[in-house]
């Protein structure tokens, strides 16, 4: 499953929580959307760069036209792959923290709604 899940899964999750609970979670983590957006764009950008670097490395390795020396391309490819990994891990970690926080908030709401007898 992807870090954010598919739209159906996301909609189902949103239906499991009240708007007040969703807002409470957003208040507790105000920059989560910004972090997720930046990590997503970073992963995409580094993925494109990794694809280009990999195709250049393959061209050099298999006797094609070397636009850059291989000793420049391989470190670039390594950095791009690491950035994709770090950004994907960041997205996964943030989504996991969000689910955990929403569960905690919902559990607190259930406890607050109970009547003492």
Protein backbone atom coordinates (compact mmCIF):
# COMPACT_ATOMS: atom_id res chain seq x y z
CA UNK A 1 0.00 0.00 0.00
CA UNK A 2 1.27 3.47 -0.80
CA UNK A 3 1.99 6.00 1.98
CA UNK A 4 -1.21 7.95 1.46
CA UNK A 5 -3.28 5.02 0.21
CA UNK A 6 -5.64 5.23 -2.72
CA UNK A 7 -8.53 7.69 -2.89
CA UNK A 8 -11.12 5.11 -1.85
CA UNK A 9 -9.10 4.15 1.19
CA UNK A 10 -8.56 7.82 2.09
CA UNK A 11 -12.28 8.58 1.72
CA UNK A 12 -13.18 5.57 3.87
CA UNK A 13 -10.76 6.76 6.54
CA UNK A 14 -12.22 10.26 6.41
CA UNK A 15 -15.72 8.80 6.91
CA UNK A 16 -14.53 6.92 10.00
CA UNK A 17 -13.75 10.20 11.77
CA UNK A 18 -15.89 13.23 12.45
CA UNK A 19 -14.95 16.59 10.91
CA UNK A 20 -14.15 17.78 14.43
CA UNK A 21 -11.69 14.91 14.93
CA UNK A 22 -10.04 15.55 11.56
CA UNK A 23 -9.72 19.24 12.40
CA UNK A 24 -8.28 18.42 15.82
CA UNK A 25 -5.61 16.23 14.20
CA UNK A 26 -4.75 18.99 11.75
CA UNK A 27 -4.46 21.50 14.61
CA UNK A 28 -2.10 19.16 16.48
CA UNK A 29 0.11 18.75 13.37
CA UNK A 30 -0.26 22.04 11.49
CA UNK A 31 2.56 21.55 8.96
CA UNK A 32 1.84 17.92 8.01
CA UNK A 33 0.22 18.84 4.66
CA UNK A 34 3.20 21.05 3.79
CA UNK A 35 5.68 18.29 4.72
CA UNK A 36 3.73 15.73 2.70
CA UNK A 37 3.58 18.05 -0.32
CA UNK A 38 7.30 18.82 -0.18
CA UNK A 39 8.22 15.17 0.28
CA UNK A 40 5.97 14.16 -2.62
CA UNK A 41 7.48 16.72 -4.96
CA UNK A 42 10.99 15.79 -3.80
CA UNK A 43 10.35 12.10 -4.47
CA UNK A 44 8.91 12.86 -7.90
CA UNK A 45 11.75 15.21 -8.85
CA UNK A 46 14.46 12.85 -7.64
CA UNK A 47 12.71 9.96 -9.38
CA UNK A 48 12.84 11.78 -12.71
CA UNK A 49 16.47 12.71 -12.11
CA UNK A 50 17.28 9.09 -11.18
CA UNK A 51 15.63 7.88 -14.39
CA UNK A 52 17.71 10.30 -16.46
CA UNK A 53 20.93 9.41 -14.61
CA UNK A 54 20.21 5.68 -14.97
CA UNK A 55 19.60 6.03 -18.70
CA UNK A 56 22.85 7.99 -19.08
CA UNK A 57 24.75 5.38 -17.09
CA UNK A 58 23.23 2.59 -19.18
CA UNK A 59 24.16 4.40 -22.39
CA UNK A 60 27.78 4.73 -21.25
CA UNK A 61 27.95 1.16 -19.96
CA UNK A 62 26.56 -0.39 -23.15
CA UNK A 63 28.65 1.58 -25.60
CA UNK A 64 26.24 4.41 -26.37
CA UNK A 65 26.95 8.12 -26.35
CA UNK A 66 28.37 9.26 -23.00
CA UNK A 67 27.00 12.74 -22.35
CA UNK A 68 28.71 12.78 -18.95
CA UNK A 69 31.59 10.70 -17.66
CA UNK A 70 30.43 7.65 -15.74
CA UNK A 71 32.27 8.82 -12.61
CA UNK A 72 29.93 11.86 -12.53
CA UNK A 73 26.73 10.02 -13.41
CA UNK A 74 26.95 7.27 -10.77
CA UNK A 75 27.23 9.60 -7.73
CA UNK A 76 24.29 11.63 -9.11
CA UNK A 77 22.27 8.44 -9.48
CA UNK A 78 23.15 7.43 -5.92
CA UNK A 79 22.06 10.78 -4.51
CA UNK A 80 18.80 10.67 -6.46
CA UNK A 81 17.98 7.15 -5.25
CA UNK A 82 18.71 8.15 -1.63
CA UNK A 83 16.46 11.24 -1.92
CA UNK A 84 13.62 9.10 -3.30
CA UNK A 85 14.06 6.69 -0.38
CA UNK A 86 14.18 9.43 2.25
CA UNK A 87 11.15 11.24 0.80
CA UNK A 88 9.14 8.01 0.54
CA UNK A 89 10.07 7.09 4.11
CA UNK A 90 9.05 10.56 5.26
CA UNK A 91 5.66 10.21 3.56
CA UNK A 92 5.13 6.75 5.08
CA UNK A 93 6.18 7.91 8.55
CA UNK A 94 3.91 10.96 8.40
CA UNK A 95 0.91 8.91 7.22
CA UNK A 96 1.53 6.40 10.00
CA UNK A 97 1.72 9.18 12.61
CA UNK A 98 -1.48 10.72 11.23
CA UNK A 99 -3.39 7.42 11.50
CA UNK A 100 -2.11 6.91 15.03
CA UNK A 101 -3.09 10.41 16.09
CA UNK A 102 -6.57 10.08 14.55
CA UNK A 103 -7.11 6.78 16.39
CA UNK A 104 -6.04 8.40 19.67
CA UNK A 105 -8.35 11.38 19.11
CA UNK A 106 -11.28 9.10 18.20
CA UNK A 107 -10.66 6.91 21.26
CA UNK A 108 -10.61 10.04 23.46
CA UNK A 109 -13.90 11.16 21.91
CA UNK A 110 -15.49 7.77 22.61
CA UNK A 111 -14.35 7.91 26.24
CA UNK A 112 -15.64 11.46 26.64
CA UNK A 113 -19.05 10.46 25.23
CA UNK A 114 -19.55 7.63 27.76
CA UNK A 115 -21.84 8.24 30.67
CA UNK A 116 -20.77 7.42 34.17
CA UNK A 117 -23.16 5.12 35.96
